[in-house]
């Protein structure tokens, strides 16, 4: 397996080589070394709004394909559990709904809504039973506002990431954000998933790829802020578009901020606008095919209109076109690697350093 190294000084560094994006073994290794070791956004608390509700789902179907179930117990606590019976591996919960507990229909094993083993018929003779391994596996679960994050086997804490986001957007009434299913949709991109992230992580391409977006953003003031496992791009308004009404004492008070673009390693984007939030989850399918889920949450209807939706869709289509062009280009026998713009590609350099570190 190849080893990757990105120079810590962006002024000297080269990008990840083209072979990184072409190697099917590296694509599979990213699953275990990167995705498994990170956090994933799984929706909001309304998936299990009431006590006793359960919500089964598959995490990153087609790539991780991990069976998971969300539950809310009678105390109102939300749990994130493996949806695989600890007896013979059957799927426990098949449909969302309200339950007093979790029941495997294969041999009758029962669990509490917190995943704890409760009962199993015909096991009186079994020794040292039940044990810790008979409980459903509990995944780490964290919450920011109404939104839920789970960790399969995370190698870093998510709380500093949440704190970093709240430092900028904590003044917003997050629990008033409502899911808008009409404007939420999936896009299929014929490219490696990390190429899509590469593109998101720099505003360098905006004047060349997104003329309409460039007309409303102050490109010269575009700012990238790096954190350990996250980065933020601040988009400043250049015109009459909506901006945040920032409270006194806010670190950006007095500035015309049109958007906060948060990227969380390795595959999550949280784009906060004056009207609400667009969550973008990058979901690998194959070496050169990716699904990107756009999930819309609105809290200020007066600032959310058809123009907002049209702009997001247009920008996405433009991004798809250029990312798919890069996917074709990295298959060239003559392209090996590139260099970073020290001013405009700090986010890409940061991402590549993290990928190289996690793959070691």
Protein backbone atom coordinates (compact mmCIF):
# COMPACT_ATOMS: atom_id res chain seq x y z
CA UNK A 1 0.00 0.00 0.00
CA UNK A 2 1.48 3.38 -0.96
CA UNK A 3 2.41 5.90 1.70
CA UNK A 4 1.48 9.57 1.33
CA UNK A 5 3.17 12.61 2.76
CA UNK A 6 2.16 16.25 2.37
CA UNK A 7 4.71 18.88 3.29
CA UNK A 8 3.43 20.93 6.25
CA UNK A 9 4.57 24.16 4.58
CA UNK A 10 1.99 24.93 1.91
CA UNK A 11 4.54 27.07 0.08
CA UNK A 12 6.61 23.95 -0.58
CA UNK A 13 3.94 21.24 -0.67
CA UNK A 14 2.67 19.17 -3.58
CA UNK A 15 -0.89 17.86 -3.73
CA UNK A 16 -1.86 14.24 -3.33
CA UNK A 17 -0.75 12.37 -6.45
CA UNK A 18 -3.18 11.39 -9.17
CA UNK A 19 -2.62 7.76 -8.23
CA UNK A 20 -4.38 8.40 -4.90
CA UNK A 21 -7.67 8.97 -6.71
CA UNK A 22 -7.19 6.06 -9.11
CA UNK A 23 -6.23 3.26 -6.73
CA UNK A 24 -9.14 0.94 -5.78
CA UNK A 25 -7.18 -0.40 -2.79
CA UNK A 26 -6.73 3.12 -1.43
CA UNK A 27 -10.46 3.75 -1.95
CA UNK A 28 -11.24 0.74 0.25
CA UNK A 29 -8.59 1.68 2.80
CA UNK A 30 -10.17 5.12 3.18
CA UNK A 31 -13.30 3.35 4.41
CA UNK A 32 -11.52 1.76 7.37
CA UNK A 33 -8.84 4.35 8.10
CA UNK A 34 -10.81 7.56 7.51
CA UNK A 35 -14.60 7.13 7.42
CA UNK A 36 -14.71 4.56 10.22
CA UNK A 37 -12.46 6.76 12.37
CA UNK A 38 -14.52 9.92 11.96
CA UNK A 39 -17.98 11.25 12.79
CA UNK A 40 -21.05 11.20 10.59
CA UNK A 41 -24.12 13.43 10.53
CA UNK A 42 -27.25 11.26 10.74
CA UNK A 43 -30.16 13.73 10.76
CA UNK A 44 -32.07 15.55 13.46
CA UNK A 45 -33.79 14.67 16.71
CA UNK A 46 -37.22 14.64 15.05
CA UNK A 47 -36.38 11.22 13.60
CA UNK A 48 -37.29 9.94 17.09
CA UNK A 49 -39.40 12.84 18.28
CA UNK A 50 -41.44 10.98 20.91
CA UNK A 51 -40.59 8.53 23.68
CA UNK A 52 -40.57 4.96 22.39
CA UNK A 53 -39.90 5.90 18.78
CA UNK A 54 -37.34 3.93 16.77
CA UNK A 55 -35.73 4.79 13.45
CA UNK A 56 -33.60 2.18 11.62
CA UNK A 57 -31.28 3.28 8.82
CA UNK A 58 -28.17 2.23 6.93
CA UNK A 59 -25.13 4.45 7.36
CA UNK A 60 -23.51 5.29 4.00
CA UNK A 61 -25.26 2.51 2.13
CA UNK A 62 -23.15 1.03 -0.66
CA UNK A 63 -19.89 1.95 1.08
CA UNK A 64 -19.96 1.40 4.83
CA UNK A 65 -23.48 -0.08 4.72
CA UNK A 66 -23.64 -0.22 8.51
CA UNK A 67 -27.08 -1.10 10.03
CA UNK A 68 -27.97 1.39 12.78
CA UNK A 69 -31.08 2.24 14.79
CA UNK A 70 -31.93 5.43 16.64
CA UNK A 71 -34.20 5.12 19.69
CA UNK A 72 -35.68 7.45 22.28
CA UNK A 73 -36.29 5.78 25.65
CA UNK A 74 -38.99 6.59 28.22
CA UNK A 75 -36.67 9.12 29.90
CA UNK A 76 -36.39 10.97 26.60
CA UNK A 77 -32.75 10.02 25.97
CA UNK A 78 -31.75 9.33 22.37
CA UNK A 79 -29.56 6.28 21.73
CA UNK A 80 -27.63 5.25 18.64
CA UNK A 81 -27.31 1.46 18.47
CA UNK A 82 -26.15 -1.30 16.21
CA UNK A 83 -29.21 -2.76 14.50
CA UNK A 84 -27.67 -6.26 14.46
CA UNK A 85 -28.85 -8.91 16.92
CA UNK A 86 -26.05 -10.17 19.17
CA UNK A 87 -27.28 -13.78 18.82
CA UNK A 88 -27.00 -14.68 15.13
CA UNK A 89 -26.59 -11.30 13.41
CA UNK A 90 -30.15 -10.75 12.20
CA UNK A 91 -31.41 -7.21 11.60
CA UNK A 92 -33.45 -6.31 14.68
CA UNK A 93 -35.58 -3.32 13.68
CA UNK A 94 -36.93 -3.09 10.13
CA UNK A 95 -39.35 -0.18 10.23
CA UNK A 96 -39.65 3.17 12.01
CA UNK A 97 -42.40 3.42 14.60
CA UNK A 98 -43.15 3.25 18.32
CA UNK A 99 -41.95 0.31 20.39
CA UNK A 100 -41.69 -0.65 24.06
CA UNK A 101 -38.38 -2.33 23.27
CA UNK A 102 -36.39 -3.97 20.49
CA UNK A 103 -37.28 -7.51 19.48
CA UNK A 104 -35.48 -9.84 17.08
CA UNK A 105 -38.07 -11.87 15.19
CA UNK A 106 -35.56 -14.63 14.33
CA UNK A 107 -35.23 -16.28 17.78
CA UNK A 108 -37.00 -13.86 20.11
CA UNK A 109 -34.09 -12.02 21.71
CA UNK A 110 -35.23 -8.80 23.38
CA UNK A 111 -33.43 -5.55 24.14
CA UNK A 112 -34.34 -2.33 25.90
CA UNK A 113 -34.52 0.91 23.96
CA UNK A 114 -31.08 1.69 25.34
CA UNK A 115 -29.74 -1.49 23.71
CA UNK A 116 -29.41 -3.49 26.92
CA UNK A 117 -30.07 -7.24 26.71
CA UNK A 118 -33.34 -8.22 28.42
CA UNK A 119 -34.41 -11.75 27.54
CA UNK A 120 -33.60 -14.77 25.36
CA UNK A 121 -35.64 -17.99 25.28
CA UNK A 122 -34.01 -21.43 25.54
CA UNK A 123 -30.75 -20.14 27.02
CA UNK A 124 -31.10 -21.39 30.62
CA UNK A 125 -28.25 -23.85 30.18
CA UNK A 126 -25.84 -21.34 28.65
CA UNK A 127 -22.95 -20.54 30.99
CA UNK A 128 -21.69 -17.02 31.69
CA UNK A 129 -24.78 -15.66 29.99
CA UNK A 130 -25.70 -12.90 29.46
CA UNK A 131 -22.44 -10.93 29.18
CA UNK A 132 -21.49 -7.48 27.95
CA UNK A 133 -21.31 -8.79 24.40
CA UNK A 134 -25.04 -9.61 24.48
CA UNK A 135 -26.02 -5.93 24.60
CA UNK A 136 -26.48 -4.09 21.31
CA UNK A 137 -23.36 -2.08 20.51
CA UNK A 138 -23.79 1.57 21.50
CA UNK A 139 -22.28 4.18 19.21
CA UNK A 140 -21.07 7.54 20.43
CA UNK A 141 -23.75 10.17 19.86
CA UNK A 142 -23.38 13.97 20.03
CA UNK A 143 -25.85 16.74 19.36
CA UNK A 144 -25.62 20.34 18.12
CA UNK A 145 -28.95 22.08 18.28
CA UNK A 146 -31.38 19.54 16.78
CA UNK A 147 -28.72 17.75 14.71
CA UNK A 148 -27.18 14.39 15.56
CA UNK A 149 -23.69 13.05 14.93
CA UNK A 150 -22.58 9.48 15.47
CA UNK A 151 -19.11 7.98 15.68
CA UNK A 152 -18.47 4.39 14.62
CA UNK A 153 -14.97 4.26 16.05
CA UNK A 154 -13.86 7.91 16.10
CA UNK A 155 -10.21 8.76 16.66
CA UNK A 156 -10.92 12.39 17.59
CA UNK A 157 -13.61 14.14 19.66
CA UNK A 158 -16.35 16.09 17.92
CA UNK A 159 -17.05 18.53 20.75
CA UNK A 160 -14.28 20.96 19.69
CA UNK A 161 -15.83 20.95 16.20
CA UNK A 162 -19.28 21.72 17.59
CA UNK A 163 -17.82 24.45 19.79
CA UNK A 164 -16.04 25.94 16.78
CA UNK A 165 -19.27 26.11 14.78
CA UNK A 166 -21.28 27.52 17.68
CA UNK A 167 -18.69 30.27 18.10
CA UNK A 168 -19.92 31.67 14.79
CA UNK A 169 -23.54 30.50 14.49
CA UNK A 170 -24.55 29.90 18.12
CA UNK A 171 -26.61 33.10 18.10
CA UNK A 172 -29.05 31.53 15.64
CA UNK A 173 -32.23 29.82 16.97
CA UNK A 174 -31.05 26.36 15.88
CA UNK A 175 -34.05 24.50 17.31
CA UNK A 176 -36.33 26.63 15.11
CA UNK A 177 -34.70 25.32 11.92
CA UNK A 178 -37.23 23.16 10.06
CA UNK A 179 -36.46 20.45 7.52
CA UNK A 180 -37.62 21.37 4.02
CA UNK A 181 -38.02 18.09 2.18
CA UNK A 182 -39.21 19.77 -1.03
CA UNK A 183 -35.88 21.49 -1.63
CA UNK A 184 -33.71 18.66 -0.28
CA UNK A 185 -32.29 16.36 -2.94
CA UNK A 186 -29.42 14.07 -3.94
CA UNK A 187 -26.92 14.67 -6.72
CA UNK A 188 -24.83 11.99 -8.44
CA UNK A 189 -21.29 13.03 -9.32
CA UNK A 190 -19.07 10.93 -11.57
CA UNK A 191 -15.91 11.50 -9.55
CA UNK A 192 -13.97 10.29 -6.51
CA UNK A 193 -15.58 11.56 -3.31
CA UNK A 194 -12.45 13.35 -2.12
CA UNK A 195 -12.24 15.34 -5.36
CA UNK A 196 -15.64 16.77 -4.51
CA UNK A 197 -14.28 17.80 -1.09
CA UNK A 198 -11.15 19.26 -2.69
CA UNK A 199 -13.35 21.52 -4.77
CA UNK A 200 -15.50 22.62 -1.84
CA UNK A 201 -12.48 23.54 0.26
CA UNK A 202 -11.31 26.48 -1.83
CA UNK A 203 -12.93 29.62 -3.10
CA UNK A 204 -10.17 29.98 -5.70
CA UNK A 205 -12.41 28.66 -8.47
CA UNK A 206 -15.42 30.90 -7.75
CA UNK A 207 -14.64 33.67 -10.30
CA UNK A 208 -13.96 31.07 -13.00
CA UNK A 209 -16.71 28.51 -12.32
CA UNK A 210 -19.51 30.41 -10.54
CA UNK A 211 -20.15 33.80 -12.20
CA UNK A 212 -23.48 34.37 -10.42
CA UNK A 213 -22.05 33.50 -7.01
CA UNK A 214 -19.01 35.65 -7.69
CA UNK A 215 -21.30 38.60 -8.41
CA UNK A 216 -22.69 38.56 -4.86
CA UNK A 217 -19.59 37.53 -2.88
CA UNK A 218 -16.59 39.74 -2.18
CA UNK A 219 -13.92 37.43 -3.59
CA UNK A 220 -11.09 39.63 -2.34
CA UNK A 221 -12.29 39.30 1.25
CA UNK A 222 -12.86 35.52 1.13
CA UNK A 223 -11.42 33.99 4.29
CA UNK A 224 -10.43 30.44 5.32
CA UNK A 225 -10.04 29.51 9.00
CA UNK A 226 -8.42 26.17 9.90
CA UNK A 227 -9.26 23.97 12.89
CA UNK A 228 -7.91 20.52 13.80
CA UNK A 229 -10.58 18.53 11.94
CA UNK A 230 -12.66 21.29 10.40
CA UNK A 231 -12.29 24.45 8.44
CA UNK A 232 -14.46 27.46 7.84
CA UNK A 233 -14.80 29.61 4.76
CA UNK A 234 -16.43 32.98 5.40
CA UNK A 235 -18.29 34.48 2.46
CA UNK A 236 -18.69 38.25 2.62
CA UNK A 237 -21.44 40.01 0.67
CA UNK A 238 -20.68 42.25 -2.26
CA UNK A 239 -24.03 43.74 -3.10
CA UNK A 240 -27.60 43.81 -1.86
CA UNK A 241 -27.98 40.16 -0.90
CA UNK A 242 -29.12 39.06 2.55
CA UNK A 243 -26.53 39.09 5.33
CA UNK A 244 -26.55 37.88 8.93
CA UNK A 245 -27.87 40.22 11.61
CA UNK A 246 -24.93 39.61 13.92
CA UNK A 247 -25.37 40.51 17.59
CA UNK A 248 -23.06 42.86 19.44
CA UNK A 249 -20.06 41.02 20.81
CA UNK A 250 -20.00 38.55 17.92
CA UNK A 251 -16.49 38.10 16.54
CA UNK A 252 -17.70 39.20 13.07
CA UNK A 253 -19.92 42.05 14.29
CA UNK A 254 -19.97 44.91 11.82
CA UNK A 255 -19.08 42.71 8.83
CA UNK A 256 -21.41 41.85 5.94
CA UNK A 257 -21.33 38.07 6.23
CA UNK A 258 -23.45 36.31 3.61
CA UNK A 259 -22.53 32.71 4.51
CA UNK A 260 -20.53 30.52 6.85
CA UNK A 261 -19.28 27.41 5.03
CA UNK A 262 -18.13 24.74 7.49
CA UNK A 263 -16.40 21.57 6.32
CA UNK A 264 -16.00 18.76 8.87
CA UNK A 265 -13.48 16.02 8.15
CA UNK A 266 -13.83 14.01 6.08
CA UNK A 267 -17.10 14.36 4.14
CA UNK A 268 -19.55 16.83 5.72
CA UNK A 269 -20.44 20.43 4.85
CA UNK A 270 -22.66 22.77 6.86
CA UNK A 271 -23.53 25.93 4.96
CA UNK A 272 -25.26 28.51 7.13
CA UNK A 273 -27.11 31.34 5.39
CA UNK A 274 -29.31 34.14 6.76
CA UNK A 275 -32.32 31.96 5.84
CA UNK A 276 -31.11 28.68 7.37
CA UNK A 277 -28.79 25.75 6.65
CA UNK A 278 -27.84 23.52 3.74
CA UNK A 279 -26.24 20.28 4.94
CA UNK A 280 -24.15 18.51 2.28
CA UNK A 281 -23.09 14.91 2.97
CA UNK A 282 -20.61 13.38 0.51
CA UNK A 283 -21.31 9.65 0.19
CA UNK A 284 -18.81 7.44 -1.66
CA UNK A 285 -20.32 4.86 -4.01
CA UNK A 286 -17.37 3.65 -6.06
CA UNK A 287 -13.92 4.79 -7.07
CA UNK A 288 -15.33 7.35 -9.50
CA UNK A 289 -18.94 7.79 -8.41
CA UNK A 290 -20.32 9.78 -5.48
CA UNK A 291 -23.72 10.72 -4.11
CA UNK A 292 -24.02 14.14 -2.48
CA UNK A 293 -27.09 14.67 -0.30
CA UNK A 294 -28.28 18.27 0.06
CA UNK A 295 -30.58 18.63 3.08
CA UNK A 296 -32.28 22.00 3.60
CA UNK A 297 -33.32 23.51 6.94
CA UNK A 298 -35.14 26.87 6.96
CA UNK A 299 -35.80 29.16 9.91
CA UNK A 300 -36.31 32.55 8.23
CA UNK A 301 -38.86 32.12 5.46
CA UNK A 302 -38.71 35.82 4.53
CA UNK A 303 -35.12 35.36 3.33
CA UNK A 304 -35.68 31.99 1.66
CA UNK A 305 -37.18 32.01 -1.81
CA UNK A 306 -36.94 30.38 -5.21
CA UNK A 307 -33.81 32.41 -5.96
CA UNK A 308 -32.04 30.84 -2.97
CA UNK A 309 -32.93 27.34 -4.19
CA UNK A 310 -31.98 28.14 -7.78
CA UNK A 311 -28.61 29.54 -6.76
CA UNK A 312 -27.73 26.45 -4.69
CA UNK A 313 -28.74 24.14 -7.56
CA UNK A 314 -26.87 26.17 -10.17
CA UNK A 315 -23.68 26.27 -8.10
CA UNK A 316 -23.91 22.52 -7.52
CA UNK A 317 -24.31 21.80 -11.23
CA UNK A 318 -21.30 23.98 -12.01
CA UNK A 319 -19.26 22.20 -9.33
CA UNK A 320 -20.25 18.81 -10.73
CA UNK A 321 -19.08 19.79 -14.19
CA UNK A 322 -15.62 20.90 -13.07
CA UNK A 323 -15.12 18.03 -10.58
CA UNK A 324 -16.02 15.49 -13.26
CA UNK A 325 -13.51 17.21 -15.51
CA UNK A 326 -10.83 16.72 -12.88
CA UNK A 327 -11.82 13.05 -12.55
CA UNK A 328 -11.11 12.61 -16.25
CA UNK A 329 -7.88 14.58 -16.00
CA UNK A 330 -6.31 12.64 -13.14
CA UNK A 331 -6.46 9.52 -15.31
CA UNK A 332 -3.95 11.09 -17.68
CA UNK A 333 -0.59 9.35 -17.89
CA UNK A 334 1.09 12.74 -17.81
CA UNK A 335 -0.48 14.36 -14.73
CA UNK A 336 1.30 13.40 -11.50
CA UNK A 337 0.54 16.08 -8.87
CA UNK A 338 0.08 19.82 -8.56
CA UNK A 339 0.96 22.68 -6.21
CA UNK A 340 -1.20 24.68 -3.81
CA UNK A 341 -1.95 28.36 -3.91
CA UNK A 342 -0.66 29.46 -0.47
CA UNK A 343 -3.33 32.16 -0.34
CA UNK A 344 -6.39 30.37 -1.70
CA UNK A 345 -5.92 26.62 -1.13
CA UNK A 346 -5.21 26.34 2.59
CA UNK A 347 -8.32 24.19 3.05
CA UNK A 348 -7.28 21.67 0.38
CA UNK A 349 -3.78 21.44 1.84
CA UNK A 350 -5.31 20.87 5.30
CA UNK A 351 -7.58 18.09 3.95
CA UNK A 352 -4.74 16.33 2.14
CA UNK A 353 -2.53 16.42 5.23
CA UNK A 354 -5.34 14.83 7.29
CA UNK A 355 -5.90 12.10 4.69
CA UNK A 356 -2.19 11.29 4.57
CA UNK A 357 -2.02 11.22 8.36
CA UNK A 358 -5.02 8.92 8.76
CA UNK A 359 -3.76 6.53 6.09
CA UNK A 360 -0.46 5.95 7.88
